[in-house]
C-alpha cells in the first residue's frame, strides 16, 4: 500500500501497470480518475472521500486533483511487482525515432520534437 498526496490541480500522468491491477481509496479531497479499456471505452469518475476505484491490469489510467484542497489517496496493487509505464515518457523520453512516433500518433514533426525536448528524448 502506498500514500499519494496530490496538490490541487496536480496530476498523475497517463500510465499503466503491466503486472497488476491498482485500487485507489480517496481518503481526503476529490479526484477525477479514468481508465481506457481495451476497446477504447473511457471510464471516467469524479471520486470523493471514501470512494474506491479499480484500474484493471495493463490499462492506461490517470488521476487529477480537481478539488480545491490537497487530496490524500491510498493505493494498493494486486502484485508486489506491478511495473510502471508512463505513456508520455515511453514515447517522448525515449530514443524511438521521431518519424515512427509521428506516423503512430498523428502528431507533426514540430510537436514531436517539442515533446522530446521537454521530456529528454532523442532520435
C-alpha atoms as a PDB file:
ATOM      1  CA  UNK A   1       0.000   0.000   0.000  1.00  0.00           C
ATOM      2  CA  UNK A   2       1.249   3.493  -0.812  1.00  0.00           C
ATOM      3  CA  UNK A   3       0.216   7.001   0.167  1.00  0.00           C
ATOM      4  CA  UNK A   4      -0.229   9.663  -2.504  1.00  0.00           C
ATOM      5  CA  UNK A   5      -0.590  13.354  -1.598  1.00  0.00           C
ATOM      6  CA  UNK A   6      -1.858  15.281  -4.619  1.00  0.00           C
ATOM      7  CA  UNK A   7      -1.952  19.088  -4.606  1.00  0.00           C
ATOM      8  CA  UNK A   8      -4.908  20.984  -6.092  1.00  0.00           C
ATOM      9  CA  UNK A   9      -4.564  20.815  -9.868  1.00  0.00           C
ATOM     10  CA  UNK A  10      -1.903  18.113  -9.545  1.00  0.00           C
ATOM     11  CA  UNK A  11      -1.971  15.096 -11.817  1.00  0.00           C
ATOM     12  CA  UNK A  12      -0.619  11.592 -12.078  1.00  0.00           C
ATOM     13  CA  UNK A  13       0.016  11.260 -15.809  1.00  0.00           C
ATOM     14  CA  UNK A  14      -1.414   8.628 -18.124  1.00  0.00           C
ATOM     15  CA  UNK A  15       0.302   5.350 -17.254  1.00  0.00           C
ATOM     16  CA  UNK A  16      -0.200   1.618 -16.901  1.00  0.00           C
ATOM     17  CA  UNK A  17       0.934  -1.220 -14.646  1.00  0.00           C
ATOM     18  CA  UNK A  18       1.611  -4.283 -16.805  1.00  0.00           C
ATOM     19  CA  UNK A  19       1.951  -6.571 -13.783  1.00  0.00           C
ATOM     20  CA  UNK A  20      -1.008  -5.653 -11.564  1.00  0.00           C
ATOM     21  CA  UNK A  21      -4.378  -4.031 -11.170  1.00  0.00           C
ATOM     22  CA  UNK A  22      -4.485  -0.913  -8.976  1.00  0.00           C
ATOM     23  CA  UNK A  23      -7.029   0.074  -6.342  1.00  0.00           C
ATOM     24  CA  UNK A  24      -7.460   3.687  -5.179  1.00  0.00           C
ATOM     25  CA  UNK A  25      -9.150   4.807  -1.972  1.00  0.00           C
ATOM     26  CA  UNK A  26      -9.797   8.538  -1.679  1.00  0.00           C
ATOM     27  CA  UNK A  27      -9.211   9.376   1.998  1.00  0.00           C
ATOM     28  CA  UNK A  28      -9.421  13.161   1.633  1.00  0.00           C
ATOM     29  CA  UNK A  29     -10.354  15.569  -1.123  1.00  0.00           C
ATOM     30  CA  UNK A  30     -11.723  14.906  -4.588  1.00  0.00           C
ATOM     31  CA  UNK A  31     -10.084  13.409  -7.644  1.00  0.00           C
ATOM     32  CA  UNK A  32     -11.122  12.822 -11.240  1.00  0.00           C
ATOM     33  CA  UNK A  33      -9.822   9.460 -12.394  1.00  0.00           C
ATOM     34  CA  UNK A  34     -10.236   7.404 -15.545  1.00  0.00           C
ATOM     35  CA  UNK A  35      -9.047   4.359 -17.390  1.00  0.00           C
ATOM     36  CA  UNK A  36      -9.333   3.389 -21.025  1.00  0.00           C
ATOM     37  CA  UNK A  37     -10.483  -0.150 -21.727  1.00  0.00           C
ATOM     38  CA  UNK A  38      -9.042  -2.370 -24.439  1.00  0.00           C
ATOM     39  CA  UNK A  39     -11.970  -1.405 -26.720  1.00  0.00           C
ATOM     40  CA  UNK A  40     -11.179   2.323 -26.139  1.00  0.00           C
ATOM     41  CA  UNK A  41     -14.133   2.924 -23.825  1.00  0.00           C
ATOM     42  CA  UNK A  42     -13.290   5.602 -21.251  1.00  0.00           C
ATOM     43  CA  UNK A  43     -14.434   5.010 -17.679  1.00  0.00           C
ATOM     44  CA  UNK A  44     -14.294   8.471 -16.078  1.00  0.00           C
ATOM     45  CA  UNK A  45     -15.338   9.071 -12.480  1.00  0.00           C
ATOM     46  CA  UNK A  46     -15.316  12.012 -10.081  1.00  0.00           C
ATOM     47  CA  UNK A  47     -14.229  10.482  -6.772  1.00  0.00           C
ATOM     48  CA  UNK A  48     -14.772  11.949  -3.313  1.00  0.00           C
ATOM     49  CA  UNK A  49     -13.797  10.922   0.204  1.00  0.00           C
ATOM     50  CA  UNK A  50     -14.491   7.240   0.799  1.00  0.00           C
ATOM     51  CA  UNK A  51     -14.782   6.337  -2.898  1.00  0.00           C
ATOM     52  CA  UNK A  52     -12.823   3.443  -4.367  1.00  0.00           C
ATOM     53  CA  UNK A  53     -11.834   2.826  -7.994  1.00  0.00           C
ATOM     54  CA  UNK A  54     -10.061  -0.153  -9.537  1.00  0.00           C
ATOM     55  CA  UNK A  55      -7.873   0.125 -12.632  1.00  0.00           C
ATOM     56  CA  UNK A  56      -7.581  -3.226 -14.420  1.00  0.00           C
ATOM     57  CA  UNK A  57      -4.113  -4.637 -15.028  1.00  0.00           C
ATOM     58  CA  UNK A  58      -2.278  -3.162 -18.000  1.00  0.00           C
ATOM     59  CA  UNK A  59      -4.844  -0.485 -18.910  1.00  0.00           C
ATOM     60  CA  UNK A  60      -3.945   3.196 -19.326  1.00  0.00           C
ATOM     61  CA  UNK A  61      -5.214   5.389 -16.480  1.00  0.00           C
ATOM     62  CA  UNK A  62      -4.666   8.731 -14.724  1.00  0.00           C
ATOM     63  CA  UNK A  63      -5.757  10.832 -11.763  1.00  0.00           C
ATOM     64  CA  UNK A  64      -6.193  14.613 -11.430  1.00  0.00           C
ATOM     65  CA  UNK A  65      -6.954  16.528  -8.245  1.00  0.00           C
ATOM     66  CA  UNK A  66      -9.942  18.594  -9.367  1.00  0.00           C
ATOM     67  CA  UNK A  67     -10.711  19.820  -5.855  1.00  0.00           C
ATOM     68  CA  UNK A  68      -9.678  22.968  -4.016  1.00  0.00           C
ATOM     69  CA  UNK A  69      -7.679  21.169  -1.319  1.00  0.00           C
ATOM     70  CA  UNK A  70      -4.933  18.556  -1.299  1.00  0.00           C
ATOM     71  CA  UNK A  71      -6.107  15.012  -1.873  1.00  0.00           C
ATOM     72  CA  UNK A  72      -4.934  12.034   0.156  1.00  0.00           C
ATOM     73  CA  UNK A  73      -5.099   8.775  -1.790  1.00  0.00           C
ATOM     74  CA  UNK A  74      -4.233   5.257  -0.637  1.00  0.00           C
ATOM     75  CA  UNK A  75      -3.113   2.964  -3.451  1.00  0.00           C
ATOM     76  CA  UNK A  76      -2.667  -0.795  -3.488  1.00  0.00           C
ATOM     77  CA  UNK A  77      -1.698  -3.267  -6.199  1.00  0.00           C
ATOM     78  CA  UNK A  78      -2.665  -6.885  -6.842  1.00  0.00           C
ATOM     79  CA  UNK A  79       1.030  -7.829  -7.124  1.00  0.00           C
ATOM     80  CA  UNK A  80       4.244  -6.897  -5.371  1.00  0.00           C
ATOM     81  CA  UNK A  81       5.716  -6.148  -8.818  1.00  0.00           C
ATOM     82  CA  UNK A  82       3.140  -4.022 -10.699  1.00  0.00           C
ATOM     83  CA  UNK A  83       5.617  -2.342 -13.059  1.00  0.00           C
ATOM     84  CA  UNK A  84       5.091   1.177 -14.379  1.00  0.00           C
ATOM     85  CA  UNK A  85       4.955   2.587 -17.901  1.00  0.00           C
ATOM     86  CA  UNK A  86       4.293   6.329 -18.195  1.00  0.00           C
ATOM     87  CA  UNK A  87       2.912   6.907 -21.677  1.00  0.00           C
ATOM     88  CA  UNK A  88       4.457  10.311 -22.392  1.00  0.00           C
ATOM     89  CA  UNK A  89       7.938   9.207 -21.259  1.00  0.00           C
ATOM     90  CA  UNK A  90       7.667   5.963 -23.219  1.00  0.00           C
ATOM     91  CA  UNK A  91       7.015   7.940 -26.396  1.00  0.00           C
ATOM     92  CA  UNK A  92       8.869  11.221 -25.935  1.00  0.00           C
ATOM     93  CA  UNK A  93      11.521  10.422 -23.314  1.00  0.00           C
ATOM     94  CA  UNK A  94      12.962   7.519 -25.305  1.00  0.00           C
ATOM     95  CA  UNK A  95      15.111   7.097 -28.405  1.00  0.00           C
ATOM     96  CA  UNK A  96      12.187   5.888 -30.542  1.00  0.00           C
ATOM     97  CA  UNK A  97      12.701   7.600 -33.923  1.00  0.00           C
ATOM     98  CA  UNK A  98      10.585  10.735 -34.343  1.00  0.00           C
ATOM     99  CA  UNK A  99       9.369   9.591 -37.748  1.00  0.00           C
ATOM    100  CA  UNK A 100       7.781   6.483 -36.203  1.00  0.00           C
ATOM    101  CA  UNK A 101       6.184   8.487 -33.407  1.00  0.00           C
ATOM    102  CA  UNK A 102       4.734  10.892 -35.975  1.00  0.00           C
ATOM    103  CA  UNK A 103       3.241   8.026 -38.004  1.00  0.00           C
ATOM    104  CA  UNK A 104       1.803   6.192 -34.997  1.00  0.00           C
ATOM    105  CA  UNK A 105       0.419   9.207 -33.096  1.00  0.00           C
ATOM    106  CA  UNK A 106      -0.584  11.505 -35.990  1.00  0.00           C
ATOM    107  CA  UNK A 107       1.455  14.335 -34.436  1.00  0.00           C
ATOM    108  CA  UNK A 108       3.548  16.540 -36.700  1.00  0.00           C
ATOM    109  CA  UNK A 109       7.341  16.739 -36.631  1.00  0.00           C
ATOM    110  CA  UNK A 110       7.420  20.045 -34.738  1.00  0.00           C
ATOM    111  CA  UNK A 111       5.208  18.765 -31.931  1.00  0.00           C
ATOM    112  CA  UNK A 112       7.175  15.518 -31.585  1.00  0.00           C
ATOM    113  CA  UNK A 113      10.458  17.438 -31.414  1.00  0.00           C
ATOM    114  CA  UNK A 114       8.992  19.852 -28.844  1.00  0.00           C
ATOM    115  CA  UNK A 115       7.815  16.982 -26.634  1.00  0.00           C
ATOM    116  CA  UNK A 116      11.107  15.101 -26.985  1.00  0.00           C
ATOM    117  CA  UNK A 117      12.954  18.265 -25.963  1.00  0.00           C
ATOM    118  CA  UNK A 118      10.710  18.670 -22.951  1.00  0.00           C
ATOM    119  CA  UNK A 119      10.967  15.037 -21.793  1.00  0.00           C
ATOM    120  CA  UNK A 120      14.570  14.299 -22.776  1.00  0.00           C
ATOM    121  CA  UNK A 121      14.063  12.001 -25.744  1.00  0.00           C
ATOM    122  CA  UNK A 122      16.312  11.594 -28.747  1.00  0.00           C
ATOM    123  CA  UNK A 123      16.011  10.206 -32.254  1.00  0.00           C
END
